[in-house]
Amino acid sequence: MSRRRFDREREAANDDAIGGPFALQDDASFGPLQDARNGGRLEIARDGSWFCNGRPVSQPELVSFLGGMLDRDPRGSYSLDLPSGEVPVLVQDAPFVGEELFIAGCCGPDQALSIRTNLDEITTIDADHPVRVVFDPDGSAADPGGSTRCYVTVRAGLEARLLPHVFDALSTRGVEHRSDNGSVCFGVWSCESFFPLGCLDDRGALVAPGVEDGLAGDSPSSAGADRPADTPPDGPAAS
């Protein structure tokens, strides 16, 4: 098949997807997608809810479709990659939310940790889908998860923020590990990769690197890498 024919067939399939399952709904249901194609303002709230021109997009199938078309450029801007062109999307935090944790396999490097997002996507944490932890020293009250936020890459440039109970369950799989440079961190194994979550203070609470020694600065920091580590204990999955 020639490249030109392939592109034509792909565009036709996308047009069918846009005009097909949603064209059968009434105008109110079809409105958000139609507005997006005509330059409407799209936004994803902190809880993963979609809005178009300030109105909620309530159809799960449509939200899943839009989420599947979402893209992020190297500058960090989000947009829908539609056949008619790119449509900007404002994302308040992360475009997806991690609602459930799954644990498979034995403890240690062979363990596989996966999350289910609000769009029912299953993502397994590995070298291509790392964990990132952000610490806010101010403990912003606007953050329902407290002062520590955890993200997992769902696909290139797009992350899911873990709900607090999911992050708590992830933390129960953690172990302390001394890296090659001598520093000690706390993190989790998944698919033969180790992902630092931070450090433990005297009370056993997870804190930003340096806080346990009183050396943290005023700016937020993040942790996320791919290193070997010790074996974590068994623990229940979150649901």
Foldseek 3Di string as FASTA:
>chain_A
DDPVVVVVVVLVVLVCVLCPPQVPDDCVLNVQSVCQLVQWAWEQEPALWIDTNRHTNPDLVVSLVQVVQWDADPVGWIWGDGPSGTHGYHYPPANWAFEWWDWDDDWFQAIWIWTQIPSRDIDIDDPQWWKKKKAAPVQDPVDPLTRIWMWIRRHVSGIHIYHNVQVVQQQQQKDWFQDPVGDIFIFHHHNRWTWGAAHQAPVRDHDHHPVNVPGDDNDMDMTTDTDHGDTGDDDDIGD
